[in-house]
C-alpha atoms as a PDB file:
ATOM      1  CA  MET A   1       0.632 -15.485 -28.139  1.00  0.00           C
ATOM      2  CA  THR A   2      -0.182 -11.700 -28.139  1.00  0.00           C
ATOM      3  CA  GLN A   3      -3.512 -12.023 -30.113  1.00  0.00           C
ATOM      4  CA  ASP A   4      -4.798 -14.646 -27.600  1.00  0.00           C
ATOM      5  CA  ARG A   5      -4.235 -12.373 -24.570  1.00  0.00           C
ATOM      6  CA  PHE A   6      -6.889 -10.222 -23.109  1.00  0.00           C
ATOM      7  CA  LYS A   7      -6.884  -6.780 -24.250  1.00  0.00           C
ATOM      8  CA  ALA A   8      -6.874  -4.250 -21.326  1.00  0.00           C
ATOM      9  CA  VAL A   9      -6.606  -0.704 -20.322  1.00  0.00           C
ATOM     10  CA  LEU A  10      -5.364  -0.077 -16.796  1.00  0.00           C
ATOM     11  CA  LEU A  11      -6.593   2.753 -14.317  1.00  0.00           C
ATOM     12  CA  PHE A  12      -3.588   3.693 -12.235  1.00  0.00           C
ATOM     13  CA  GLY A  13      -3.229   6.055  -9.398  1.00  0.00           C
ATOM     14  CA  ALA A  14      -2.917   6.588  -5.624  1.00  0.00           C
ATOM     15  CA  PRO A  15      -5.482   5.656  -3.138  1.00  0.00           C
ATOM     16  CA  GLY A  16      -8.487   8.161  -3.481  1.00  0.00           C
ATOM     17  CA  ALA A  17      -7.503   9.154  -7.110  1.00  0.00           C
ATOM     18  CA  GLY A  18     -10.872   7.772  -8.428  1.00  0.00           C
ATOM     19  CA  LYS A  19     -10.055   4.738 -10.116  1.00  0.00           C
ATOM     20  CA  GLY A  20     -13.091   2.721  -9.029  1.00  0.00           C
ATOM     21  CA  THR A  21     -15.385   5.721  -9.827  1.00  0.00           C
ATOM     22  CA  GLN A  22     -14.178   6.040 -13.262  1.00  0.00           C
ATOM     23  CA  GLY A  23     -14.038   2.206 -13.729  1.00  0.00           C
ATOM     24  CA  ARG A  24     -17.597   1.873 -13.049  1.00  0.00           C
ATOM     25  CA  ILE A  25     -18.651   4.607 -15.349  1.00  0.00           C
ATOM     26  CA  LEU A  26     -16.632   3.074 -18.214  1.00  0.00           C
ATOM     27  CA  GLY A  27     -18.152  -0.297 -17.367  1.00  0.00           C
ATOM     28  CA  ALA A  28     -21.385   1.047 -18.227  1.00  0.00           C
ATOM     29  CA  ILE A  29     -20.229   1.937 -21.895  1.00  0.00           C
ATOM     30  CA  PRO A  30     -20.759  -0.950 -24.428  1.00  0.00           C
ATOM     31  CA  GLY A  31     -17.348  -2.400 -25.526  1.00  0.00           C
ATOM     32  CA  PHE A  32     -15.844  -1.857 -22.006  1.00  0.00           C
ATOM     33  CA  PHE A  33     -16.001  -4.405 -19.162  1.00  0.00           C
ATOM     34  CA  HIS A  34     -14.779  -3.157 -15.708  1.00  0.00           C
ATOM     35  CA  LEU A  35     -13.111  -5.470 -13.357  1.00  0.00           C
ATOM     36  CA  SER A  36     -12.008  -4.203 -10.139  1.00  0.00           C
ATOM     37  CA  CYS A  37      -9.702  -6.300  -7.932  1.00  0.00           C
ATOM     38  CA  GLY A  38     -11.459  -5.029  -4.790  1.00  0.00           C
ATOM     39  CA  ASP A  39     -14.708  -6.349  -5.835  1.00  0.00           C
ATOM     40  CA  VAL A  40     -13.191  -9.658  -6.797  1.00  0.00           C
ATOM     41  CA  PHE A  41     -12.034  -9.986  -3.091  1.00  0.00           C
ATOM     42  CA  ARG A  42     -15.243  -8.686  -1.963  1.00  0.00           C
ATOM     43  CA  THR A  43     -17.373 -11.306  -3.792  1.00  0.00           C
ATOM     44  CA  ILE A  44     -15.120 -14.307  -3.266  1.00  0.00           C
ATOM     45  CA  ASP A  45     -16.565 -17.773  -2.529  1.00  0.00           C
ATOM     46  CA  ILE A  46     -14.589 -18.874   0.589  1.00  0.00           C
ATOM     47  CA  HIS A  47     -15.706 -22.525  -0.164  1.00  0.00           C
ATOM     48  CA  SER A  48     -13.789 -22.750  -3.400  1.00  0.00           C
ATOM     49  CA  ASP A  49     -10.280 -23.921  -3.393  1.00  0.00           C
ATOM     50  CA  VAL A  50      -8.718 -20.579  -4.111  1.00  0.00           C
ATOM     51  CA  GLY A  51     -11.241 -18.926  -1.851  1.00  0.00           C
ATOM     52  CA  ARG A  52     -10.167 -21.110   1.090  1.00  0.00           C
ATOM     53  CA  VAL A  53      -6.398 -20.111   0.367  1.00  0.00           C
ATOM     54  CA  VAL A  54      -7.275 -16.521   0.333  1.00  0.00           C
ATOM     55  CA  TYR A  55      -9.357 -16.758   3.506  1.00  0.00           C
ATOM     56  CA  GLU A  56      -6.446 -18.589   5.303  1.00  0.00           C
ATOM     57  CA  TYR A  57      -4.388 -15.528   4.695  1.00  0.00           C
ATOM     58  CA  SER A  58      -6.777 -12.828   5.241  1.00  0.00           C
ATOM     59  CA  SER A  59      -8.170 -14.301   8.266  1.00  0.00           C
ATOM     60  CA  ARG A  60      -4.698 -14.016  10.063  1.00  0.00           C
ATOM     61  CA  GLY A  61      -3.989 -10.586   8.640  1.00  0.00           C
ATOM     62  CA  ALA A  62      -1.422 -11.878   6.093  1.00  0.00           C
ATOM     63  CA  LEU A  63      -0.966 -10.627   2.532  1.00  0.00           C
ATOM     64  CA  VAL A  64      -2.357 -12.893   0.094  1.00  0.00           C
ATOM     65  CA  PRO A  65       0.413 -14.128  -2.477  1.00  0.00           C
ATOM     66  CA  ASP A  66       0.636 -12.740  -5.890  1.00  0.00           C
ATOM     67  CA  ASP A  67       0.246 -15.887  -7.525  1.00  0.00           C
ATOM     68  CA  VAL A  68      -3.046 -16.832  -5.495  1.00  0.00           C
ATOM     69  CA  THR A  69      -4.319 -13.113  -6.193  1.00  0.00           C
ATOM     70  CA  LEU A  70      -3.853 -13.580  -9.816  1.00  0.00           C
ATOM     71  CA  GLU A  71      -5.592 -16.999  -9.903  1.00  0.00           C
ATOM     72  CA  LEU A  72      -8.526 -15.572  -8.174  1.00  0.00           C
ATOM     73  CA  TRP A  73      -8.570 -12.747 -10.499  1.00  0.00           C
ATOM     74  CA  ARG A  74      -8.481 -15.118 -13.603  1.00  0.00           C
ATOM     75  CA  GLN A  75     -11.186 -17.398 -12.109  1.00  0.00           C
ATOM     76  CA  THR A  76     -13.484 -14.438 -11.587  1.00  0.00           C
ATOM     77  CA  LEU A  77     -12.798 -13.253 -15.144  1.00  0.00           C
ATOM     78  CA  HIS A  78     -13.557 -16.771 -16.495  1.00  0.00           C
ATOM     79  CA  ALA A  79     -16.870 -16.813 -14.642  1.00  0.00           C
ATOM     80  CA  HIS A  80     -17.847 -13.548 -16.200  1.00  0.00           C
ATOM     81  CA  THR A  81     -16.854 -14.996 -19.584  1.00  0.00           C
ATOM     82  CA  VAL A  82     -19.037 -17.917 -18.944  1.00  0.00           C
ATOM     83  CA  LEU A  83     -22.019 -15.801 -18.012  1.00  0.00           C
ATOM     84  CA  THR A  84     -21.281 -13.762 -21.253  1.00  0.00           C
ATOM     85  CA  ASN A  85     -20.955 -10.628 -19.193  1.00  0.00           C
ATOM     86  CA  TYR A  86     -17.489 -10.246 -20.518  1.00  0.00           C
ATOM     87  CA  LYS A  87     -16.829 -11.195 -24.306  1.00  0.00           C
ATOM     88  CA  PRO A  88     -13.099 -11.284 -24.772  1.00  0.00           C
ATOM     89  CA  HIS A  89     -13.257 -10.977 -28.547  1.00  0.00           C
ATOM     90  CA  ASP A  90     -15.461  -7.805 -28.451  1.00  0.00           C
ATOM     91  CA  ASP A  91     -14.613  -6.020 -25.242  1.00  0.00           C
ATOM     92  CA  VAL A  92     -11.886  -4.024 -23.793  1.00  0.00           C
ATOM     93  CA  LEU A  93     -11.071  -4.874 -20.135  1.00  0.00           C
ATOM     94  CA  VAL A  94     -11.040  -1.890 -17.767  1.00  0.00           C
ATOM     95  CA  LEU A  95      -8.877  -2.817 -14.750  1.00  0.00           C
ATOM     96  CA  ASP A  96      -8.287  -1.065 -11.378  1.00  0.00           C
ATOM     97  CA  GLY A  97      -6.762  -2.282  -8.298  1.00  0.00           C
ATOM     98  CA  ILE A  98      -4.416  -4.855 -10.271  1.00  0.00           C
ATOM     99  CA  PRO A  99      -1.487  -4.878 -10.620  1.00  0.00           C
ATOM    100  CA  ARG A 100      -0.668  -3.746  -7.138  1.00  0.00           C
ATOM    101  CA  ASN A 101       3.101  -4.530  -7.451  1.00  0.00           C
ATOM    102  CA  VAL A 102       5.778  -5.492 -10.129  1.00  0.00           C
ATOM    103  CA  GLU A 103       5.419  -9.175  -9.581  1.00  0.00           C
ATOM    104  CA  GLN A 104       1.577  -8.991 -10.278  1.00  0.00           C
ATOM    105  CA  ALA A 105       2.408  -7.057 -13.427  1.00  0.00           C
ATOM    106  CA  ARG A 106       4.582  -9.784 -14.706  1.00  0.00           C
ATOM    107  CA  LEU A 107       2.016 -12.418 -13.811  1.00  0.00           C
ATOM    108  CA  LEU A 108      -0.742 -10.374 -15.509  1.00  0.00           C
ATOM    109  CA  ASP A 109       1.379 -10.279 -18.620  1.00  0.00           C
ATOM    110  CA  GLU A 110       1.031 -14.098 -19.180  1.00  0.00           C
ATOM    111  CA  ASP A 111      -2.537 -13.699 -20.319  1.00  0.00           C
ATOM    112  CA  THR A 112      -3.402  -9.767 -20.546  1.00  0.00           C
ATOM    113  CA  GLN A 113      -1.993  -7.311 -22.923  1.00  0.00           C
ATOM    114  CA  VAL A 114      -2.153  -3.802 -21.452  1.00  0.00           C
ATOM    115  CA  LEU A 115      -2.814  -1.569 -24.263  1.00  0.00           C
ATOM    116  CA  ARG A 116      -3.146   1.899 -22.348  1.00  0.00           C
ATOM    117  CA  ILE A 117      -2.736   3.169 -18.829  1.00  0.00           C
ATOM    118  CA  VAL A 118      -4.638   6.086 -17.552  1.00  0.00           C
ATOM    119  CA  HIS A 119      -2.628   7.559 -14.740  1.00  0.00           C
ATOM    120  CA  LEU A 120      -4.834   9.446 -12.575  1.00  0.00           C
ATOM    121  CA  MET A 121      -2.724  12.190 -10.866  1.00  0.00           C
ATOM    122  CA  CYS A 122      -3.378  14.612  -8.156  1.00  0.00           C
ATOM    123  CA  SER A 123      -0.585  16.642  -6.307  1.00  0.00           C
ATOM    124  CA  ASP A 124      -2.945  17.426  -3.272  1.00  0.00           C
ATOM    125  CA  LYS A 125      -2.533  14.319  -1.254  1.00  0.00           C
ATOM    126  CA  GLU A 126      -4.871  15.624   1.466  1.00  0.00           C
ATOM    127  CA  LYS A 127      -7.597  16.082  -1.044  1.00  0.00           C
ATOM    128  CA  MET A 128      -7.319  12.401  -1.812  1.00  0.00           C
ATOM    129  CA  VAL A 129      -7.200  11.346   1.710  1.00  0.00           C
ATOM    130  CA  GLU A 130     -10.359  13.385   2.426  1.00  0.00           C
ATOM    131  CA  ARG A 131     -11.998  11.341  -0.620  1.00  0.00           C
ATOM    132  CA  LEU A 132     -10.948   8.148   1.219  1.00  0.00           C
ATOM    133  CA  ARG A 133     -12.519   9.006   4.494  1.00  0.00           C
ATOM    134  CA  ARG A 134     -15.820  10.326   2.576  1.00  0.00           C
ATOM    135  CA  ARG A 135     -16.045   6.858   0.774  1.00  0.00           C
ATOM    136  CA  ALA A 136     -15.277   4.842   3.788  1.00  0.00           C
ATOM    137  CA  LEU A 137     -18.131   6.504   5.724  1.00  0.00           C
ATOM    138  CA  LYS A 138     -20.651   6.496   2.751  1.00  0.00           C
ATOM    139  CA  GLU A 139     -19.882   2.527   2.212  1.00  0.00           C
ATOM    140  CA  ASN A 140     -20.196   1.949   6.095  1.00  0.00           C
ATOM    141  CA  ARG A 141     -16.344   0.780   6.346  1.00  0.00           C
ATOM    142  CA  VAL A 142     -15.573   2.692   9.447  1.00  0.00           C
ATOM    143  CA  ASP A 143     -12.331   1.058   9.914  1.00  0.00           C
ATOM    144  CA  ASP A 144     -11.200   2.364   6.475  1.00  0.00           C
ATOM    145  CA  ALA A 145     -11.523   5.809   7.665  1.00  0.00           C
ATOM    146  CA  ARG A 146      -8.973   5.674  10.182  1.00  0.00           C
ATOM    147  CA  GLU A 147      -5.947   7.771   9.814  1.00  0.00           C
ATOM    148  CA  ASP A 148      -3.440   4.689  10.418  1.00  0.00           C
ATOM    149  CA  VAL A 149      -5.412   2.766   7.859  1.00  0.00           C
ATOM    150  CA  ILE A 150      -5.158   5.389   5.251  1.00  0.00           C
ATOM    151  CA  GLN A 151      -1.606   6.170   6.139  1.00  0.00           C
ATOM    152  CA  ARG A 152      -0.718   2.509   5.682  1.00  0.00           C
ATOM    153  CA  ARG A 153      -2.491   2.252   2.154  1.00  0.00           C
ATOM    154  CA  TRP A 154      -0.333   5.187   0.983  1.00  0.00           C
ATOM    155  CA  GLU A 155       2.819   3.683   2.199  1.00  0.00           C
ATOM    156  CA  VAL A 156       1.857   0.466   0.330  1.00  0.00           C
ATOM    157  CA  TYR A 157       1.149   2.598  -2.727  1.00  0.00           C
ATOM    158  CA  GLU A 158       4.483   4.481  -2.696  1.00  0.00           C
ATOM    159  CA  SER A 159       6.664   1.386  -2.083  1.00  0.00           C
ATOM    160  CA  GLU A 160       4.884  -1.334  -4.044  1.00  0.00           C
ATOM    161  CA  THR A 161       2.557   0.002  -6.465  1.00  0.00           C
ATOM    162  CA  TRP A 162       4.256   3.135  -7.821  1.00  0.00           C
ATOM    163  CA  PRO A 163       7.029   1.131  -9.454  1.00  0.00           C
ATOM    164  CA  VAL A 164       4.594  -0.717 -11.535  1.00  0.00           C
ATOM    165  CA  LEU A 165       4.650   2.232 -13.957  1.00  0.00           C
ATOM    166  CA  ALA A 166       8.249   1.371 -14.758  1.00  0.00           C
ATOM    167  CA  HIS A 167       7.275  -2.098 -15.815  1.00  0.00           C
ATOM    168  CA  TYR A 168       5.349  -0.697 -18.984  1.00  0.00           C
ATOM    169  CA  PRO A 169       6.590   1.326 -21.857  1.00  0.00           C
ATOM    170  CA  SER A 170       6.056   5.070 -21.265  1.00  0.00           C
ATOM    171  CA  ARG A 171       4.258   5.492 -24.654  1.00  0.00           C
ATOM    172  CA  ILE A 172       1.158   3.862 -23.370  1.00  0.00           C
ATOM    173  CA  ILE A 173       1.137   5.937 -20.254  1.00  0.00           C
ATOM    174  CA  ALA A 174      -1.371   8.955 -20.326  1.00  0.00           C
ATOM    175  CA  GLU A 175      -1.503  11.349 -17.443  1.00  0.00           C
ATOM    176  CA  VAL A 176      -4.924  12.765 -16.300  1.00  0.00           C
ATOM    177  CA  ASP A 177      -5.602  15.406 -13.700  1.00  0.00           C
ATOM    178  CA  ALA A 178      -7.697  13.563 -10.959  1.00  0.00           C
ATOM    179  CA  ALA A 179      -8.288  16.646  -8.856  1.00  0.00           C
ATOM    180  CA  ARG A 180     -11.069  18.018 -11.221  1.00  0.00           C
ATOM    181  CA  SER A 181     -14.759  16.983 -10.951  1.00  0.00           C
ATOM    182  CA  PRO A 182     -15.711  13.306 -11.856  1.00  0.00           C
ATOM    183  CA  ALA A 183     -17.338  14.582 -15.141  1.00  0.00           C
ATOM    184  CA  ALA A 184     -14.322  16.387 -16.109  1.00  0.00           C
ATOM    185  CA  VAL A 185     -11.993  13.679 -15.275  1.00  0.00           C
ATOM    186  CA  LEU A 186     -14.238  11.292 -17.505  1.00  0.00           C
ATOM    187  CA  GLU A 187     -13.909  13.545 -20.332  1.00  0.00           C
ATOM    188  CA  GLU A 188     -10.207  13.451 -20.375  1.00  0.00           C
ATOM    189  CA  VAL A 189     -10.171   9.525 -19.625  1.00  0.00           C
ATOM    190  CA  LEU A 190     -12.429   9.038 -22.684  1.00  0.00           C
ATOM    191  CA  ARG A 191     -10.109  11.229 -24.756  1.00  0.00           C
ATOM    192  CA  VAL A 192      -7.456   8.721 -23.940  1.00  0.00           C
ATOM    193  CA  LEU A 193      -9.717   5.440 -24.062  1.00  0.00           C
ATOM    194  CA  VAL A 194     -12.079   6.168 -27.197  1.00  0.00           C
ATOM    195  CA  PRO A 195      -9.084   5.747 -29.693  1.00  0.00           C
ATOM    196  CA  VAL A 196      -8.198   2.353 -27.974  1.00  0.00           C
ATOM    197  CA  GLN A 197     -11.744   1.076 -28.308  1.00  0.00           C
ATOM    198  CA  GLU A 198     -11.952   2.191 -32.009  1.00  0.00           C
ATOM    199  CA  LYS A 199      -8.727   0.479 -32.825  1.00  0.00           C
ATOM    200  CA  HIS A 200     -10.027  -2.702 -31.017  1.00  0.00           C
ATOM    201  CA  PHE A 201     -13.336  -2.606 -32.861  1.00  0.00           C
ATOM    202  CA  ARG A 202     -11.593  -2.156 -36.281  1.00  0.00           C
ATOM    203  CA  SER A 203      -9.254  -5.183 -35.406  1.00  0.00           C
ATOM    204  CA  VAL A 204     -12.429  -7.216 -34.530  1.00  0.00           C
ATOM    205  CA  ASP A 205     -14.253  -6.314 -37.809  1.00  0.00           C
ATOM    206  CA  SER A 206     -11.330  -7.084 -39.915  1.00  0.00           C
END
């Protein structure tokens, strides 16, 4: 079963740590394919079966169930495969925003093998909060810049997402200082992930 699963690396970190920024950069490198869970939800087709279910929950402010989230994620990944944007045999998946909790991690294990986790760390919470405010205003998502919204995101991260790390072997987790400039962070991220891609390429060629 293991060789049939998608090979992936996971960008992990608190809100504002820079997962999306690093993911987009990595996605521009041949051999990596970036898939953000946020992008999956933002581009959802609400007329599809799973789209209607997601819309039903989100329109009343309810959390989308984990199995529905993973089904939407799988359908999106399949669509990218059909369009040949993502080639499972050749590319390493770069994931951010998923899994958000331990149950999602268990569901993800069914068809995805996480080879390495880059844990973007920053001890300065206020710096990451400021990043969230700037990003929300830059992307014209004013509600996301509100203090209560940011605080809620942190609470969810600490109570639900942080425990995800314990689901994976500590040997595959690499800590990277996310407080530095994007280029400096990228340098460290590549130091962690280039060997992963090299190993994947060798296994593909063999």
